[in-house]
Amino acid sequence: MELGTLEREIFIAAEPDVVFAVVSDPEHVRRWWPDEAAYELVPGAPGHIAFGDGDGRKVAGFSVVEALAPRSFSFRWTQEVGEPAEVGNSMLVTFELVARDGGTLLRLTETGFRERGWSEAVVAETHADHSRGWDFFLSRLPGYVASLGVEV
């Protein structure tokens, strides 16, 4: 398995504009992915996301790369908070949204594992961790979108 890229697809029974809001607006994002999301939808603006609380709290830098409603949303994350996100210190995630069958096919791509300068073991461990994480969090999207009561 190539560990440089992680890819996932999921169908969501809502129009692309609804799905775009759910994957890009921090108020929505924190309801299905991190426990905290603080960023602006402005390319390059510094922000962060956080998982957990207390001693187990993990904070990661987050910076929007591009927001093209309702087609795609991309961001860099995992850099140290306060550091500018760039190749070599962060992961690049892209959500591509395609209208399909009365809903939206969401394609997620995450890259940057090999560009971090990590050993092969750390690349494999991080790729596996992110793979498990995206499987868990993306599976929450259809239910969250349905809870919004938005007509498709």
C-alpha atoms as a PDB file:
ATOM      1  CA  MET A   1       0.000   0.000   0.000  1.00  0.00           C
ATOM      2  CA  GLU A   2       1.269   3.467  -0.893  1.00  0.00           C
ATOM      3  CA  LEU A   3       1.407   5.573   2.259  1.00  0.00           C
ATOM      4  CA  GLY A   4       1.832   8.970   0.607  1.00  0.00           C
ATOM      5  CA  THR A   5      -1.882   9.556   0.004  1.00  0.00           C
ATOM      6  CA  LEU A   6      -5.064   8.676   1.841  1.00  0.00           C
ATOM      7  CA  GLU A   7      -8.354   8.653  -0.104  1.00  0.00           C
ATOM      8  CA  ARG A   8     -11.960   8.119   0.955  1.00  0.00           C
ATOM      9  CA  GLU A   9     -15.399   8.524  -0.660  1.00  0.00           C
ATOM     10  CA  ILE A  10     -18.777   8.801   1.009  1.00  0.00           C
ATOM     11  CA  PHE A  11     -22.247   9.585  -0.290  1.00  0.00           C
ATOM     12  CA  ILE A  12     -24.296  12.145   1.646  1.00  0.00           C
ATOM     13  CA  ALA A  13     -28.007  12.645   1.012  1.00  0.00           C
ATOM     14  CA  ALA A  14     -27.859  16.431   0.702  1.00  0.00           C
ATOM     15  CA  GLU A  15     -27.074  18.953  -2.005  1.00  0.00           C
ATOM     16  CA  PRO A  16     -23.414  20.027  -2.441  1.00  0.00           C
ATOM     17  CA  ASP A  17     -24.037  23.502  -0.954  1.00  0.00           C
ATOM     18  CA  VAL A  18     -25.226  21.898   2.314  1.00  0.00           C
ATOM     19  CA  VAL A  19     -22.312  19.455   2.385  1.00  0.00           C
ATOM     20  CA  PHE A  20     -19.873  22.273   1.611  1.00  0.00           C
ATOM     21  CA  ALA A  21     -21.117  24.218   4.643  1.00  0.00           C
ATOM     22  CA  VAL A  22     -20.860  21.132   6.857  1.00  0.00           C
ATOM     23  CA  VAL A  23     -17.230  20.401   5.872  1.00  0.00           C
ATOM     24  CA  SER A  24     -15.994  23.999   5.816  1.00  0.00           C
ATOM     25  CA  ASP A  25     -17.817  26.084   8.465  1.00  0.00           C
ATOM     26  CA  PRO A  26     -16.096  25.669  11.863  1.00  0.00           C
ATOM     27  CA  GLU A  27     -19.474  25.698  13.643  1.00  0.00           C
ATOM     28  CA  HIS A  28     -20.501  22.608  11.691  1.00  0.00           C
ATOM     29  CA  VAL A  29     -17.054  20.998  11.578  1.00  0.00           C
ATOM     30  CA  ARG A  30     -16.756  20.822  15.362  1.00  0.00           C
ATOM     31  CA  ARG A  31     -19.996  18.833  15.497  1.00  0.00           C
ATOM     32  CA  TRP A  32     -18.648  15.905  13.487  1.00  0.00           C
ATOM     33  CA  TRP A  33     -14.830  16.094  13.585  1.00  0.00           C
ATOM     34  CA  PRO A  34     -12.776  17.921  16.266  1.00  0.00           C
ATOM     35  CA  ASP A  35     -14.034  19.054  19.642  1.00  0.00           C
ATOM     36  CA  GLU A  36     -12.931  22.609  18.852  1.00  0.00           C
ATOM     37  CA  ALA A  37     -12.496  24.418  15.540  1.00  0.00           C
ATOM     38  CA  ALA A  38     -11.301  28.008  15.353  1.00  0.00           C
ATOM     39  CA  TYR A  39     -10.427  29.328  11.915  1.00  0.00           C
ATOM     40  CA  GLU A  40     -11.612  31.716   9.232  1.00  0.00           C
ATOM     41  CA  LEU A  41     -12.613  30.699   5.710  1.00  0.00           C
ATOM     42  CA  VAL A  42      -9.807  32.894   4.414  1.00  0.00           C
ATOM     43  CA  PRO A  43      -6.883  31.230   2.640  1.00  0.00           C
ATOM     44  CA  GLY A  44      -3.753  31.373   4.781  1.00  0.00           C
ATOM     45  CA  ALA A  45      -5.397  32.721   7.935  1.00  0.00           C
ATOM     46  CA  PRO A  46      -4.025  30.952  11.009  1.00  0.00           C
ATOM     47  CA  GLY A  47      -6.347  28.789  13.075  1.00  0.00           C
ATOM     48  CA  HIS A  48      -6.470  25.572  15.020  1.00  0.00           C
ATOM     49  CA  ILE A  49      -8.524  22.511  15.828  1.00  0.00           C
ATOM     50  CA  ALA A  50      -8.430  20.494  19.049  1.00  0.00           C
ATOM     51  CA  PHE A  51      -9.411  17.000  20.106  1.00  0.00           C
ATOM     52  CA  GLY A  52     -10.200  16.009  23.690  1.00  0.00           C
ATOM     53  CA  ASP A  53      -9.805  18.027  26.845  1.00  0.00           C
ATOM     54  CA  GLY A  54      -7.597  18.236  29.926  1.00  0.00           C
ATOM     55  CA  ASP A  55      -4.265  16.421  29.777  1.00  0.00           C
ATOM     56  CA  GLY A  56      -5.398  14.451  26.729  1.00  0.00           C
ATOM     57  CA  ARG A  57      -6.151  17.562  24.657  1.00  0.00           C
ATOM     58  CA  LYS A  58      -4.345  17.625  21.303  1.00  0.00           C
ATOM     59  CA  VAL A  59      -4.196  20.895  19.382  1.00  0.00           C
ATOM     60  CA  ALA A  60      -3.147  21.184  15.744  1.00  0.00           C
ATOM     61  CA  GLY A  61      -2.667  24.150  13.477  1.00  0.00           C
ATOM     62  CA  PHE A  62      -5.282  24.566  10.750  1.00  0.00           C
ATOM     63  CA  SER A  63      -5.201  26.849   7.719  1.00  0.00           C
ATOM     64  CA  VAL A  64      -7.622  27.095   4.808  1.00  0.00           C
ATOM     65  CA  VAL A  65      -5.964  26.681   1.403  1.00  0.00           C
ATOM     66  CA  GLU A  66      -9.007  27.101  -0.838  1.00  0.00           C
ATOM     67  CA  ALA A  67     -12.784  27.348  -0.423  1.00  0.00           C
ATOM     68  CA  LEU A  68     -14.670  27.048  -3.716  1.00  0.00           C
ATOM     69  CA  ALA A  69     -18.324  26.664  -2.743  1.00  0.00           C
ATOM     70  CA  PRO A  70     -19.937  24.267  -3.407  1.00  0.00           C
ATOM     71  CA  ARG A  71     -17.264  22.254  -5.259  1.00  0.00           C
ATOM     72  CA  SER A  72     -14.212  21.919  -3.034  1.00  0.00           C
ATOM     73  CA  PHE A  73     -12.651  22.820   0.269  1.00  0.00           C
ATOM     74  CA  SER A  74      -8.991  22.273   1.113  1.00  0.00           C
ATOM     75  CA  PHE A  75      -6.906  22.965   4.169  1.00  0.00           C
ATOM     76  CA  ARG A  76      -3.558  22.243   5.760  1.00  0.00           C
ATOM     77  CA  TRP A  77      -3.395  20.896   9.277  1.00  0.00           C
ATOM     78  CA  THR A  78      -1.118  19.257  11.874  1.00  0.00           C
ATOM     79  CA  GLN A  79       1.497  22.027  11.816  1.00  0.00           C
ATOM     80  CA  GLU A  80       2.395  23.558  15.162  1.00  0.00           C
ATOM     81  CA  VAL A  81      -0.125  26.213  16.189  1.00  0.00           C
ATOM     82  CA  GLY A  82       1.200  29.602  15.104  1.00  0.00           C
ATOM     83  CA  GLU A  83       3.457  28.209  12.367  1.00  0.00           C
ATOM     84  CA  PRO A  84       2.545  28.988   8.759  1.00  0.00           C
ATOM     85  CA  ALA A  85       1.283  25.818   7.080  1.00  0.00           C
ATOM     86  CA  GLU A  86       3.453  24.622   4.216  1.00  0.00           C
ATOM     87  CA  VAL A  87       4.691  21.492   2.505  1.00  0.00           C
ATOM     88  CA  GLY A  88       6.910  19.658   4.975  1.00  0.00           C
ATOM     89  CA  ASN A  89       5.197  20.701   8.214  1.00  0.00           C
ATOM     90  CA  SER A  90       1.530  19.882   7.570  1.00  0.00           C
ATOM     91  CA  MET A  91      -0.936  17.614   5.830  1.00  0.00           C
ATOM     92  CA  LEU A  92      -3.078  18.791   2.912  1.00  0.00           C
ATOM     93  CA  VAL A  93      -6.725  17.673   2.946  1.00  0.00           C
ATOM     94  CA  THR A  94      -9.089  18.256   0.041  1.00  0.00           C
ATOM     95  CA  PHE A  95     -12.820  17.635   0.046  1.00  0.00           C
ATOM     96  CA  GLU A  96     -14.157  17.400  -3.503  1.00  0.00           C
ATOM     97  CA  LEU A  97     -17.969  17.557  -3.757  1.00  0.00           C
ATOM     98  CA  VAL A  98     -19.814  16.096  -6.740  1.00  0.00           C
ATOM     99  CA  ALA A  99     -23.600  16.253  -7.172  1.00  0.00           C
ATOM    100  CA  ARG A 100     -24.840  12.712  -7.672  1.00  0.00           C
ATOM    101  CA  ASP A 101     -28.168  10.873  -7.446  1.00  0.00           C
ATOM    102  CA  GLY A 102     -29.920  13.682  -5.587  1.00  0.00           C
ATOM    103  CA  GLY A 103     -27.114  14.050  -3.061  1.00  0.00           C
ATOM    104  CA  THR A 104     -23.364  14.579  -2.893  1.00  0.00           C
ATOM    105  CA  LEU A 105     -20.416  12.288  -3.382  1.00  0.00           C
ATOM    106  CA  LEU A 106     -17.679  13.587  -1.090  1.00  0.00           C
ATOM    107  CA  ARG A 107     -14.127  12.620  -2.022  1.00  0.00           C
ATOM    108  CA  LEU A 108     -11.463  13.192   0.613  1.00  0.00           C
ATOM    109  CA  THR A 109      -7.775  13.176  -0.238  1.00  0.00           C
ATOM    110  CA  GLU A 110      -5.042  13.697   2.358  1.00  0.00           C
ATOM    111  CA  THR A 111      -1.387  14.057   1.388  1.00  0.00           C
ATOM    112  CA  GLY A 112       1.817  15.139   3.066  1.00  0.00           C
ATOM    113  CA  PHE A 113       2.800  11.978   4.931  1.00  0.00           C
ATOM    114  CA  ARG A 114       6.086  11.494   3.074  1.00  0.00           C
ATOM    115  CA  GLU A 115       6.945  15.200   2.916  1.00  0.00           C
ATOM    116  CA  ARG A 116       7.317  15.466   6.702  1.00  0.00           C
ATOM    117  CA  GLY A 117      10.777  13.860   6.708  1.00  0.00           C
ATOM    118  CA  TRP A 118       9.644  11.057   9.008  1.00  0.00           C
ATOM    119  CA  SER A 119      11.032   7.541   9.084  1.00  0.00           C
ATOM    120  CA  GLU A 120       9.077   4.875   7.186  1.00  0.00           C
ATOM    121  CA  ALA A 121       7.752   3.549  10.505  1.00  0.00           C
ATOM    122  CA  VAL A 122       6.385   6.950  11.544  1.00  0.00           C
ATOM    123  CA  VAL A 123       4.867   7.486   8.084  1.00  0.00           C
ATOM    124  CA  ALA A 124       3.123   4.091   8.334  1.00  0.00           C
ATOM    125  CA  GLU A 125       1.923   4.758  11.896  1.00  0.00           C
ATOM    126  CA  THR A 126       0.607   8.239  11.064  1.00  0.00           C
ATOM    127  CA  HIS A 127      -1.056   7.033   7.852  1.00  0.00           C
ATOM    128  CA  ALA A 128      -2.798   4.223   9.788  1.00  0.00           C
ATOM    129  CA  ASP A 129      -3.878   6.654  12.530  1.00  0.00           C
ATOM    130  CA  HIS A 130      -5.331   9.140  10.029  1.00  0.00           C
ATOM    131  CA  SER A 131      -6.953   6.310   8.071  1.00  0.00           C
ATOM    132  CA  ARG A 132      -8.763   5.082  11.212  1.00  0.00           C
ATOM    133  CA  GLY A 133      -9.637   8.652  12.145  1.00  0.00           C
ATOM    134  CA  TRP A 134     -11.149   9.578   8.780  1.00  0.00           C
ATOM    135  CA  ASP A 135     -13.086   6.291   8.684  1.00  0.00           C
ATOM    136  CA  PHE A 136     -14.612   7.149  12.059  1.00  0.00           C
ATOM    137  CA  PHE A 137     -15.268  10.851  11.499  1.00  0.00           C
ATOM    138  CA  LEU A 138     -16.524  10.641   7.911  1.00  0.00           C
ATOM    139  CA  SER A 139     -19.014   7.984   8.986  1.00  0.00           C
ATOM    140  CA  ARG A 140     -20.569  10.647  11.241  1.00  0.00           C
ATOM    141  CA  LEU A 141     -21.280  13.040   8.352  1.00  0.00           C
ATOM    142  CA  PRO A 142     -24.488  11.483   6.918  1.00  0.00           C
ATOM    143  CA  GLY A 143     -26.161  11.373  10.346  1.00  0.00           C
ATOM    144  CA  TYR A 144     -25.074  14.906  11.207  1.00  0.00           C
ATOM    145  CA  VAL A 145     -26.359  16.257   7.876  1.00  0.00           C
ATOM    146  CA  ALA A 146     -29.649  14.385   8.369  1.00  0.00           C
ATOM    147  CA  SER A 147     -30.007  15.938  11.842  1.00  0.00           C
ATOM    148  CA  LEU A 148     -29.994  19.396  10.242  1.00  0.00           C
ATOM    149  CA  GLY A 149     -33.393  18.637   8.688  1.00  0.00           C
ATOM    150  CA  VAL A 150     -32.392  20.138   5.352  1.00  0.00           C
ATOM    151  CA  GLU A 151     -34.633  19.107   2.475  1.00  0.00           C
ATOM    152  CA  VAL A 152     -32.754  17.589  -0.437  1.00  0.00           C
END
